[in-house]
Amino acid sequence: MGNFNLLCLGDIVGPDTLSFMQKNLGAVRKKYDISMVVANGENVAEGNGINPDDAEDLFACGVDVITSGNHVWKKNRIYSYLDDKEEIIRPANYPSSAPGKGYTVFDTGVARVLVMNVLGNMFMDALNCPFETVDKILEREKGRYDISVLDIHAEATAEKKALGYYLDGRVNAIFGTHTHVTTADEQILPKGSGYITDVGMCGCEESALGVEVENVISKFKTKMPTRFKLASGKITLNGVLFSFDKNFKLTDIQRIKEEF
């Protein structure tokens, strides 16, 4: 066996980006010899959220596990789908009564990969502590996985960094989502975990987080309610590639940016 290459993609924004993924993700998988793809899909539908059809399209084009965040509840049809489909998860620190699950173990045939999702508390919904939530998952799933992955969907960079260092040596691959802006701090932490504060987004780069810039400028200038419209134009795929050796030890982390 060669390297196990795990590609983690930032928030997929809008139907145009979904079409982009359908046309190009296969080529990206081939180019980087990808073993598994984890992607945040909570913004793929028009007006935020994700529908079951969107999720099925993402799976069909090469995404193995879909993570999410605070927008996952925007489309009601996703609720029962979250309960039924193991490969799509919502943040684990929502109450247990919420639809769906906060983690899954995906078996690629080469590696069993534990994928977890938490929501930050700073400037976000006041949920259960993400630190304690991950601790409990790791204890519950001990011995059932070869590689562990965490999507931290959070606003505050300090909270993401703190969680990264807290889990260093216990979670193999840690990546942040939500801000839609790629950070340049990809690194292997002292105890061996791969970390990046935010992987950015997959969407129209000439935008404000995927939305038409003029809409956002108007919102900031007028402070009035503004109807946001998704931007159109050149789509960019942003993600991070975690590479593991045959013993599932992390050997490299690199940012990926692809335009077609």
Protein backbone atom coordinates (compact mmCIF):
# COMPACT_ATOMS: atom_id res chain seq x y z
CA MET A 1 0.00 0.00 0.00
CA GLY A 2 1.20 3.52 -0.81
CA ASN A 3 0.14 6.72 0.91
CA PHE A 4 -3.42 7.10 2.16
CA ASN A 5 -4.40 10.54 0.87
CA LEU A 6 -7.33 12.25 2.56
CA LEU A 7 -8.79 15.34 0.90
CA CYS A 8 -10.90 17.65 3.09
CA LEU A 9 -12.87 20.34 1.26
CA GLY A 10 -14.23 23.63 2.55
CA ASP A 11 -17.86 24.73 2.42
CA ILE A 12 -19.42 23.94 -0.96
CA VAL A 13 -21.44 27.03 -1.86
CA GLY A 14 -24.45 26.83 -4.15
CA PRO A 15 -25.80 24.80 -7.06
CA ASP A 16 -23.18 26.12 -9.52
CA THR A 17 -20.43 24.74 -7.33
CA LEU A 18 -22.23 21.42 -7.09
CA SER A 19 -22.20 21.27 -10.90
CA PHE A 20 -18.50 22.13 -10.82
CA MET A 21 -17.88 19.28 -8.39
CA GLN A 22 -19.81 16.86 -10.60
CA LYS A 23 -17.63 17.77 -13.58
CA ASN A 24 -14.23 18.05 -11.89
CA LEU A 25 -13.93 16.18 -8.59
CA GLY A 26 -13.07 12.94 -10.37
CA ALA A 27 -10.09 14.62 -12.03
CA VAL A 28 -8.96 16.07 -8.70
CA ARG A 29 -9.15 12.64 -7.07
CA LYS A 30 -7.05 11.20 -9.87
CA LYS A 31 -4.50 14.05 -9.88
CA TYR A 32 -3.71 13.71 -6.17
CA ASP A 33 -4.31 9.94 -5.91
CA ILE A 34 -7.07 10.56 -3.35
CA SER A 35 -8.13 7.69 -1.09
CA MET A 36 -11.07 9.48 0.54
CA VAL A 37 -12.89 12.83 0.34
CA VAL A 38 -14.58 14.64 3.23
CA ALA A 39 -16.49 17.81 2.29
CA ASN A 40 -18.57 20.36 4.17
CA GLY A 41 -21.93 20.51 2.38
CA GLU A 42 -24.09 22.78 4.52
CA ASN A 43 -24.22 25.59 1.94
CA VAL A 44 -24.73 23.62 -1.26
CA ALA A 45 -28.45 24.41 -1.65
CA GLU A 46 -29.80 27.76 -2.84
CA GLY A 47 -30.21 29.93 0.25
CA ASN A 48 -27.98 27.74 2.46
CA GLY A 49 -28.60 24.25 3.77
CA ILE A 50 -28.53 20.93 1.95
CA ASN A 51 -31.28 18.74 0.50
CA PRO A 52 -31.16 14.95 0.18
CA ASP A 53 -30.80 15.27 -3.61
CA ASP A 54 -27.78 17.54 -3.15
CA ALA A 55 -26.17 15.02 -0.82
CA GLU A 56 -26.77 12.17 -3.25
CA ASP A 57 -25.21 14.21 -6.05
CA LEU A 58 -22.13 14.88 -3.90
CA PHE A 59 -21.76 11.19 -3.08
CA ALA A 60 -22.15 10.27 -6.74
CA CYS A 61 -19.37 12.64 -7.85
CA GLY A 62 -16.80 11.35 -5.36
CA VAL A 63 -17.44 12.76 -1.88
CA ASP A 64 -17.32 9.96 0.71
CA VAL A 65 -18.47 11.78 3.86
CA ILE A 66 -20.36 15.09 4.16
CA THR A 67 -19.90 17.28 7.24
CA SER A 68 -21.99 20.35 8.04
CA GLY A 69 -22.56 23.16 10.54
CA ASN A 70 -25.09 25.68 11.75
CA HIS A 71 -26.88 25.92 8.36
CA VAL A 72 -27.63 22.20 8.18
CA TRP A 73 -31.17 22.74 9.49
CA LYS A 74 -32.24 25.21 6.77
CA LYS A 75 -33.97 22.56 4.60
CA ASN A 76 -36.55 20.44 6.43
CA ARG A 77 -36.23 17.52 4.02
CA ILE A 78 -32.72 16.82 5.30
CA TYR A 79 -33.91 15.89 8.81
CA SER A 80 -34.98 12.31 8.15
CA TYR A 81 -32.12 11.88 5.69
CA LEU A 82 -29.66 12.73 8.48
CA ASP A 83 -31.21 9.96 10.56
CA ASP A 84 -31.02 7.40 7.76
CA LYS A 85 -27.69 8.11 6.02
CA GLU A 86 -24.47 7.26 7.86
CA GLU A 87 -22.22 9.23 5.50
CA ILE A 88 -23.66 12.69 6.29
CA ILE A 89 -23.17 14.14 9.77
CA ARG A 90 -24.16 17.24 11.72
CA PRO A 91 -22.20 18.84 14.57
CA ALA A 92 -21.96 16.35 17.44
CA ASN A 93 -22.46 18.93 20.17
CA TYR A 94 -26.11 19.60 19.29
CA PRO A 95 -28.53 18.00 21.76
CA SER A 96 -29.04 14.25 21.29
CA SER A 97 -32.67 14.97 20.31
CA ALA A 98 -31.51 16.69 17.10
CA PRO A 99 -31.77 14.65 13.89
CA GLY A 100 -28.75 12.77 12.69
CA LYS A 101 -25.38 11.88 14.15
CA GLY A 102 -22.25 13.88 14.93
CA TYR A 103 -19.74 11.35 13.67
CA THR A 104 -19.36 8.27 11.51
CA VAL A 105 -16.77 5.58 10.82
CA PHE A 106 -16.22 5.18 7.08
CA ASP A 107 -14.45 2.05 5.87
CA THR A 108 -12.54 2.62 2.61
CA GLY A 109 -11.39 -1.00 2.48
CA VAL A 110 -7.88 0.19 3.34
CA ALA A 111 -8.57 2.28 6.42
CA ARG A 112 -11.41 2.80 8.87
CA VAL A 113 -11.78 6.57 9.16
CA LEU A 114 -13.57 8.22 12.08
CA VAL A 115 -15.02 11.52 10.87
CA MET A 116 -16.30 13.94 13.52
CA ASN A 117 -17.98 17.35 13.31
CA VAL A 118 -18.37 19.99 16.03
CA LEU A 119 -19.67 23.55 16.16
CA GLY A 120 -17.68 26.24 17.93
CA ASN A 121 -19.28 28.12 20.83
CA MET A 122 -17.75 31.58 20.26
CA PHE A 123 -20.12 33.84 18.27
CA MET A 124 -22.18 30.74 17.38
CA ASP A 125 -25.06 28.83 18.97
CA ALA A 126 -24.49 28.00 22.64
CA LEU A 127 -24.13 24.23 22.32
CA ASN A 128 -22.37 21.60 24.39
CA CYS A 129 -18.63 22.04 24.89
CA PRO A 130 -16.83 20.94 21.69
CA PHE A 131 -13.76 19.87 23.69
CA GLU A 132 -15.74 17.49 25.90
CA THR A 133 -17.83 16.32 22.95
CA VAL A 134 -14.79 15.10 21.02
CA ASP A 135 -13.33 13.51 24.17
CA LYS A 136 -16.47 11.42 24.57
CA ILE A 137 -16.50 10.31 20.92
CA LEU A 138 -12.86 9.26 21.02
CA GLU A 139 -13.46 7.22 24.16
CA ARG A 140 -16.62 5.64 22.77
CA GLU A 141 -15.01 4.65 19.46
CA LYS A 142 -11.61 3.58 20.79
CA GLY A 143 -10.20 0.67 18.76
CA ARG A 144 -12.77 1.00 15.96
CA TYR A 145 -10.80 3.24 13.58
CA ASP A 146 -7.35 3.69 12.00
CA ILE A 147 -7.49 7.43 11.22
CA SER A 148 -9.50 10.17 12.94
CA VAL A 149 -10.67 13.42 11.32
CA LEU A 150 -12.41 16.48 12.76
CA ASP A 151 -14.24 19.33 11.03
CA ILE A 152 -14.37 22.30 13.43
CA HIS A 153 -17.16 24.53 12.11
CA ALA A 154 -16.45 27.73 14.01
CA GLU A 155 -16.09 31.49 13.76
CA ALA A 156 -13.28 32.24 16.21
CA THR A 157 -9.77 31.31 15.10
CA ALA A 158 -8.59 31.18 18.71
CA GLU A 159 -11.20 28.56 19.54
CA LYS A 160 -10.14 26.46 16.55
CA LYS A 161 -6.45 26.74 17.46
CA ALA A 162 -7.13 25.85 21.08
CA LEU A 163 -9.15 22.79 20.06
CA GLY A 164 -6.42 21.76 17.63
CA TYR A 165 -3.71 21.82 20.29
CA TYR A 166 -6.02 20.16 22.81
CA LEU A 167 -6.53 17.23 20.42
CA ASP A 168 -2.96 17.10 19.12
CA GLY A 169 -1.78 13.50 19.08
CA ARG A 170 -5.33 12.18 19.54
CA VAL A 171 -7.03 13.27 16.29
CA ASN A 172 -4.96 12.77 13.14
CA ALA A 173 -6.47 15.40 10.83
CA ILE A 174 -8.09 18.62 12.10
CA PHE A 175 -9.53 21.21 9.73
CA GLY A 176 -11.67 24.29 10.22
CA THR A 177 -14.65 25.45 8.17
CA HIS A 178 -17.32 28.19 8.29
CA THR A 179 -15.41 31.43 7.49
CA HIS A 180 -15.05 30.52 3.77
CA VAL A 181 -11.56 32.11 3.79
CA THR A 182 -8.48 29.90 3.49
CA THR A 183 -5.83 30.35 6.17
CA ALA A 184 -2.12 29.81 5.52
CA ASP A 185 -1.32 28.00 8.77
CA GLU A 186 -1.41 24.35 7.67
CA GLN A 187 1.02 22.46 9.90
CA ILE A 188 1.83 19.25 11.69
CA LEU A 189 1.44 20.00 15.39
CA PRO A 190 4.07 18.91 17.95
CA LYS A 191 2.39 15.58 18.76
CA GLY A 192 1.74 14.67 15.13
CA SER A 193 -1.74 15.94 14.23
CA GLY A 194 -2.32 17.78 10.96
CA TYR A 195 -4.09 21.11 11.43
CA ILE A 196 -5.41 24.10 9.47
CA THR A 197 -7.63 26.85 10.91
CA ASP A 198 -9.87 27.11 7.83
CA VAL A 199 -9.77 25.33 4.49
CA GLY A 200 -11.79 28.08 2.79
CA MET A 201 -14.67 27.35 0.44
CA CYS A 202 -15.51 25.74 -2.85
CA GLY A 203 -17.33 28.44 -4.75
CA CYS A 204 -17.09 31.65 -6.75
CA GLU A 205 -13.92 33.39 -5.66
CA GLU A 206 -14.99 36.83 -6.93
CA SER A 207 -17.54 37.18 -4.14
CA ALA A 208 -17.99 37.84 -0.43
CA LEU A 209 -18.10 34.30 0.96
CA GLY A 210 -19.92 33.13 -2.19
CA VAL A 211 -22.44 35.98 -2.25
CA GLU A 212 -22.50 38.87 -4.74
CA VAL A 213 -20.21 41.56 -3.37
CA GLU A 214 -22.67 44.43 -3.95
CA ASN A 215 -25.27 42.70 -1.76
CA VAL A 216 -22.81 42.48 1.12
CA ILE A 217 -21.57 46.06 0.67
CA SER A 218 -25.18 47.28 0.79
CA LYS A 219 -25.81 45.31 3.98
CA PHE A 220 -22.80 46.82 5.72
CA LYS A 221 -23.46 50.38 4.53
CA THR A 222 -27.21 50.56 5.08
CA LYS A 223 -27.67 48.12 7.99
CA MET A 224 -30.96 47.21 6.32
CA PRO A 225 -32.26 43.73 5.46
CA THR A 226 -30.70 42.67 2.17
CA ARG A 227 -31.55 39.76 -0.09
CA PHE A 228 -28.32 37.90 -0.74
CA LYS A 229 -27.76 36.41 -4.18
CA LEU A 230 -25.13 33.78 -4.88
CA ALA A 231 -22.29 35.07 -7.02
CA SER A 232 -21.66 33.59 -10.44
CA GLY A 233 -18.33 33.24 -12.17
CA LYS A 234 -15.16 31.17 -11.98
CA ILE A 235 -15.42 28.42 -9.38
CA THR A 236 -12.45 27.51 -7.19
CA LEU A 237 -12.04 24.34 -5.15
CA ASN A 238 -10.22 24.88 -1.83
CA GLY A 239 -9.19 22.07 0.47
CA VAL A 240 -6.37 20.45 2.35
CA LEU A 241 -4.62 17.15 1.65
CA PHE A 242 -3.53 14.97 4.56
CA SER A 243 -1.11 12.18 3.60
CA PHE A 244 -0.56 9.08 5.74
CA ASP A 245 1.98 6.26 5.43
CA LYS A 246 1.13 2.54 5.47
CA ASN A 247 0.98 2.63 9.28
CA PHE A 248 -1.50 5.54 9.15
CA LYS A 249 1.03 8.03 10.49
CA LEU A 250 0.58 11.54 9.12
CA THR A 251 3.52 12.45 6.88
CA ASP A 252 2.40 15.62 5.12
CA ILE A 253 -0.28 18.31 4.92
CA GLN A 254 -0.77 20.71 2.03
CA ARG A 255 -3.34 23.22 0.85
CA ILE A 256 -5.08 22.41 -2.42
CA LYS A 257 -6.52 25.04 -4.78
CA GLU A 258 -7.95 23.96 -8.10
CA GLU A 259 -9.60 25.98 -10.88
CA PHE A 260 -10.96 24.53 -14.12
